[in-house]
Protein backbone atom coordinates (compact mmCIF):
# COMPACT_ATOMS: atom_id res chain seq x y z
CA MET A 1 -5.65 -0.19 17.73
CA GLY A 2 -2.08 -1.70 15.20
CA ILE A 3 -2.73 -4.45 13.21
CA VAL A 4 -6.35 -6.80 13.02
CA THR A 5 -7.86 -9.75 11.26
CA SER A 6 -10.23 -11.45 11.37
CA ARG A 7 -12.19 -14.18 8.98
CA PRO A 8 -16.17 -12.75 8.81
CA GLU A 9 -16.56 -15.50 6.46
CA SER A 10 -14.93 -18.54 5.67
CA HIS A 11 -11.93 -19.06 3.70
CA ILE A 12 -11.83 -15.29 3.49
CA GLU A 13 -9.28 -13.43 5.58
CA VAL A 14 -9.54 -9.51 6.37
CA VAL A 15 -6.46 -8.00 7.63
CA THR A 16 -7.02 -4.49 8.99
CA VAL A 17 -4.87 -1.26 9.57
CA ASP A 18 -5.86 0.74 12.06
CA PHE A 19 -2.87 3.34 13.07
CA PRO A 20 -4.73 6.65 14.47
CA PRO A 21 -4.50 9.55 13.16
CA VAL A 22 -4.15 8.72 9.24
CA ASN A 23 -2.60 5.93 9.91
CA ALA A 24 0.87 6.52 8.43
CA LEU A 25 2.57 3.45 10.12
CA PRO A 26 5.49 3.13 12.75
CA VAL A 27 8.18 0.40 11.31
CA ARG A 28 6.43 -2.00 13.50
CA GLY A 29 3.26 -1.51 12.23
CA TRP A 30 4.89 -2.29 8.36
CA PHE A 31 6.52 -5.91 9.63
CA ASP A 32 3.24 -6.79 11.59
CA LEU A 33 1.05 -6.56 7.96
CA ALA A 34 3.48 -7.81 6.52
CA ASP A 35 3.52 -10.74 8.89
CA ALA A 36 0.04 -10.72 8.58
CA ILE A 37 -0.78 -11.08 5.18
CA GLU A 38 1.89 -14.23 5.05
CA THR A 39 0.23 -15.39 7.40
CA ALA A 40 -2.94 -15.57 5.71
CA GLY A 41 -1.48 -16.96 2.61
CA ARG A 42 0.34 -19.77 4.00
CA ASP A 43 -3.01 -20.94 5.55
CA PRO A 44 -4.79 -23.30 2.94
CA ASP A 45 -7.88 -22.23 4.70
CA VAL A 46 -7.18 -19.78 3.34
CA HIS A 47 -8.15 -18.73 -0.50
CA ALA A 48 -8.17 -14.63 -0.35
CA VAL A 49 -7.51 -11.70 1.68
CA VAL A 50 -9.16 -8.58 1.78
CA LEU A 51 -7.03 -5.26 3.34
CA ARG A 52 -8.22 -2.65 4.49
CA ALA A 53 -8.49 0.33 7.12
CA GLU A 54 -10.22 1.98 9.58
CA GLY A 55 -10.03 5.74 10.04
CA ARG A 56 -10.13 8.94 8.53
CA GLY A 57 -8.05 7.06 5.44
CA PHE A 58 -6.44 4.13 4.10
CA ASN A 59 -2.93 5.18 4.33
CA ALA A 60 -0.44 7.80 5.14
CA GLY A 61 2.02 5.82 4.45
CA VAL A 62 5.46 6.04 7.29
CA ASP A 63 5.11 7.44 10.48
CA ILE A 64 7.25 11.03 9.66
CA LYS A 65 8.13 11.92 13.61
CA GLU A 66 9.25 8.57 13.84
CA ILE A 67 12.24 9.25 11.44
CA GLN A 68 12.55 12.33 13.18
CA ARG A 69 13.30 11.60 16.63
CA SER A 70 15.87 8.53 15.72
CA THR A 71 19.25 9.80 15.75
CA GLY A 72 21.10 8.69 13.18
CA TYR A 73 19.54 6.25 10.19
CA GLU A 74 17.38 3.21 12.44
CA ALA A 75 14.78 4.76 11.84
CA LEU A 76 14.87 5.80 8.47
CA VAL A 77 16.73 1.72 7.63
CA GLY A 78 13.93 0.48 9.34
CA ALA A 79 11.07 1.87 7.28
CA ASN A 80 12.59 1.70 4.40
CA ARG A 81 13.27 -1.95 5.05
CA GLY A 82 9.44 -2.62 6.59
CA CYS A 83 7.84 -1.05 3.37
CA TYR A 84 9.67 -3.30 1.22
CA ALA A 85 8.23 -6.06 3.28
CA ALA A 86 4.95 -5.44 3.29
CA PHE A 87 5.09 -4.01 -0.04
CA GLY A 88 6.12 -7.31 -1.45
CA ALA A 89 4.32 -9.84 0.94
CA VAL A 90 0.69 -8.26 -0.95
CA TYR A 91 2.88 -8.83 -3.86
CA ASP A 92 3.90 -12.58 -3.21
CA CYS A 93 1.38 -13.91 -0.90
CA ALA A 94 -0.05 -17.18 -2.06
CA VAL A 95 -3.82 -15.68 -2.59
CA PRO A 96 -5.33 -12.44 -4.11
CA VAL A 97 -5.36 -9.58 -2.61
CA ILE A 98 -7.92 -6.93 -2.23
CA ALA A 99 -7.58 -3.37 -1.48
CA ALA A 100 -10.37 -1.68 -0.49
CA VAL A 101 -9.42 1.99 0.02
CA HIS A 102 -10.76 5.10 1.48
CA GLY A 103 -9.69 8.47 1.51
CA PHE A 104 -6.60 9.38 1.40
CA CYS A 105 -3.84 6.70 -0.07
CA LEU A 106 -0.72 7.70 -0.40
CA GLY A 107 3.07 6.75 -0.24
CA GLY A 108 2.82 3.33 1.28
CA GLY A 109 -0.41 3.46 0.80
CA ILE A 110 0.16 3.78 -3.31
CA GLY A 111 3.02 0.53 -2.17
CA LEU A 112 0.59 -2.01 -0.92
CA VAL A 113 -2.42 -0.36 -3.32
CA GLY A 114 0.06 -1.17 -6.50
CA ASN A 115 0.98 -4.81 -5.83
CA ALA A 116 -2.78 -6.27 -4.61
CA ASP A 117 -4.78 -8.12 -7.43
CA VAL A 118 -7.71 -6.47 -7.20
CA VAL A 119 -8.52 -2.16 -5.34
CA VAL A 120 -12.22 -1.21 -4.76
CA ALA A 121 -12.46 2.11 -3.69
CA SER A 122 -15.00 4.45 -1.98
CA ASP A 123 -16.18 8.03 -3.92
CA ASP A 124 -14.21 9.53 -1.38
CA ALA A 125 -10.49 8.01 -2.24
CA THR A 126 -7.65 10.00 -3.09
CA PHE A 127 -4.34 8.28 -4.10
CA GLY A 128 -0.99 9.95 -4.14
CA VAL A 129 2.93 9.80 -4.11
CA PRO A 130 3.94 12.68 -2.08
CA GLU A 131 7.37 12.03 -1.89
CA VAL A 132 9.13 14.57 -3.18
CA GLU A 133 7.82 16.99 -0.94
CA ARG A 134 9.31 14.57 1.83
CA GLY A 135 13.03 14.00 0.70
CA ALA A 136 12.19 10.49 0.34
CA LEU A 137 11.45 8.42 -3.50
CA GLY A 138 9.00 5.40 -3.55
CA ALA A 139 6.49 4.10 -5.08
CA ALA A 140 7.14 4.85 -7.95
CA THR A 141 6.81 1.22 -9.44
CA HIS A 142 3.65 0.61 -7.92
CA LEU A 143 2.08 3.92 -8.91
CA ALA A 144 3.05 2.97 -12.33
CA ARG A 145 1.00 -0.09 -11.30
CA LEU A 146 -2.89 2.16 -11.28
CA VAL A 147 -1.42 5.67 -13.73
CA PRO A 148 -0.08 5.83 -17.18
CA PRO A 149 3.63 6.60 -17.97
CA HIS A 150 3.15 10.83 -18.57
CA LEU A 151 0.36 10.38 -15.80
CA LEU A 152 3.07 9.14 -13.53
CA ARG A 153 5.41 11.50 -14.57
CA THR A 154 3.54 14.48 -13.59
CA LEU A 155 1.61 12.73 -10.14
CA TYR A 156 5.48 12.48 -9.49
CA PHE A 157 6.91 15.50 -9.79
CA THR A 158 4.10 17.83 -8.67
CA ALA A 159 3.05 15.52 -5.94
CA ARG A 160 -0.58 16.15 -7.15
CA THR A 161 -3.28 13.41 -6.23
CA VAL A 162 -5.79 11.44 -8.40
CA SER A 163 -9.47 11.15 -7.63
CA ALA A 164 -10.67 7.03 -7.44
CA GLY A 165 -13.08 7.53 -10.86
CA GLN A 166 -9.54 8.52 -12.69
CA LEU A 167 -8.05 5.05 -11.91
CA HIS A 168 -11.54 3.69 -12.93
CA GLY A 169 -10.85 5.24 -16.20
CA TYR A 170 -7.86 3.40 -16.67
CA GLY A 171 -9.17 -0.09 -15.54
CA SER A 172 -6.68 -0.10 -12.19
CA VAL A 173 -9.51 -0.05 -9.65
CA TYR A 174 -12.42 -2.48 -10.10
CA ARG A 175 -15.35 -1.17 -8.33
CA VAL A 176 -16.10 2.21 -6.87
CA VAL A 177 -18.74 2.75 -4.68
CA PRO A 178 -19.78 5.01 -1.84
CA ARG A 179 -17.51 4.41 1.27
CA ALA A 180 -20.79 2.79 3.70
CA ASP A 181 -20.56 0.11 0.47
CA LEU A 182 -16.68 0.22 0.28
CA ASP A 183 -15.78 -3.50 3.16
CA GLU A 184 -19.19 -5.03 0.84
CA ALA A 185 -17.39 -4.16 -3.12
CA ALA A 186 -15.05 -6.25 -0.94
CA LEU A 187 -15.84 -9.10 0.22
CA ASP A 188 -18.13 -9.26 -2.94
CA VAL A 189 -15.32 -10.23 -4.93
CA ALA A 190 -13.78 -11.89 -2.23
CA ARG A 191 -15.83 -14.43 -2.45
CA ASP A 192 -16.15 -14.64 -5.87
CA ILE A 193 -12.37 -15.75 -5.63
CA ALA A 194 -12.92 -17.23 -2.19
CA LYS A 195 -15.71 -20.74 -4.22
CA LYS A 196 -13.09 -21.06 -6.14
CA ASP A 197 -10.46 -24.30 -6.25
CA THR A 198 -7.85 -22.32 -4.40
CA ARG A 199 -5.13 -24.92 -5.97
CA VAL A 200 -6.05 -23.24 -9.38
CA ILE A 201 -6.14 -19.72 -7.43
CA ARG A 202 -3.31 -20.34 -5.91
CA ALA A 203 -0.82 -21.14 -9.26
CA ALA A 204 -2.88 -18.70 -11.35
CA LYS A 205 -1.35 -15.75 -8.88
CA GLU A 206 1.83 -17.42 -8.88
CA ALA A 207 1.67 -17.65 -12.38
CA LEU A 208 0.87 -14.17 -13.52
CA ASN A 209 3.59 -13.24 -11.43
CA GLY A 210 5.73 -14.48 -13.67
CA ILE A 211 4.78 -13.21 -16.13
CA ASP A 212 4.98 -9.72 -14.61
CA PRO A 213 7.00 -7.19 -17.27
CA GLN A 214 8.61 -5.24 -14.00
CA ASP A 215 10.02 -7.27 -10.62
CA VAL A 216 8.59 -5.03 -8.25
CA HIS A 217 11.31 -5.79 -5.67
CA ARG A 218 14.45 -5.02 -7.55
CA SER A 219 13.05 -1.66 -9.14
CA TYR A 220 11.47 -0.20 -5.74
CA ARG A 221 14.79 -1.04 -4.32
CA PHE A 222 16.69 0.87 -6.50
CA GLU A 223 14.14 2.99 -5.82
CA GLN A 224 15.05 3.11 -2.64
CA GLY A 225 18.70 3.56 -3.54
CA PHE A 226 18.27 7.11 -4.17
CA THR A 227 16.16 7.99 -1.02
CA PHE A 228 19.11 6.54 1.08
CA GLU A 229 21.56 9.03 -1.41
CA LEU A 230 19.24 12.39 -0.78
CA ASN A 231 19.51 11.67 3.07
CA LEU A 232 23.26 11.03 2.97
CA LEU A 233 22.66 14.53 1.22
CA GLY A 234 20.73 16.59 4.36
CA ALA A 235 17.85 16.63 1.68
CA SER A 236 15.86 14.53 3.14
CA ASP A 237 15.93 16.13 6.82
CA GLU A 238 15.49 19.29 5.95
CA ALA A 239 11.66 18.03 3.69
CA ARG A 240 10.64 15.89 6.36
CA GLN A 241 11.21 18.97 9.75
CA LYS A 242 9.57 21.20 6.88
CA PHE A 243 6.53 19.09 6.99
CA LEU A 244 5.67 18.81 10.37
CA ASP A 245 6.54 22.61 11.26
CA ASP A 246 4.29 23.23 8.91
CA LYS A 247 1.56 20.48 10.54
CA ASP A 248 2.12 22.39 13.54
CA THR A 249 1.63 26.06 12.42
């Protein structure tokens, strides 16, 4: 359980997220994920990284129970910094990151997938940001890399989700496959990248990041500022507690 790395084939590092039951990551988990991806990118023998998950869904965001158990804002600040580190690690990884998404991909999951270089998904995958229902803001920066502007606003304000098939139509999901074929589909892309000269691929990754129209680090940090405001106003704590209370009823 936790963040598990493996090397199933030459030059391909697989990073697996496994935090039962729903892959809602605690603070430490986000930092461990960031470290695993950064470490893989620094290894000259790694030419591509596959980011996947075990369990019911790819990612359910931050561990709200951990935040609610914490006194003061320590866990909240930790979660925000951990997400920032993990999202940034995916984006800044020296080699391409292929996200293999199944089931639900929510909140922090969107931050990971939106910053990935290639996205493959199973046909049961859904994507969304329920932040407004949790009294927080964030990951609009990354959702904007997956959907058109007006759909972004609709999904953000309503907390609704879209399917992998819809994202495939926009071109942000490369392939949609049956769930049983997801890992192989991700490895297929990774193999194609890994067989090329890694010096060229690493330069290409840096070049593509350099011409991005949006500075994802600055943009996401700007969003996080509003989350802190909402916490100071008490709105976030009320929303998080309501979410937990509703789950228990």
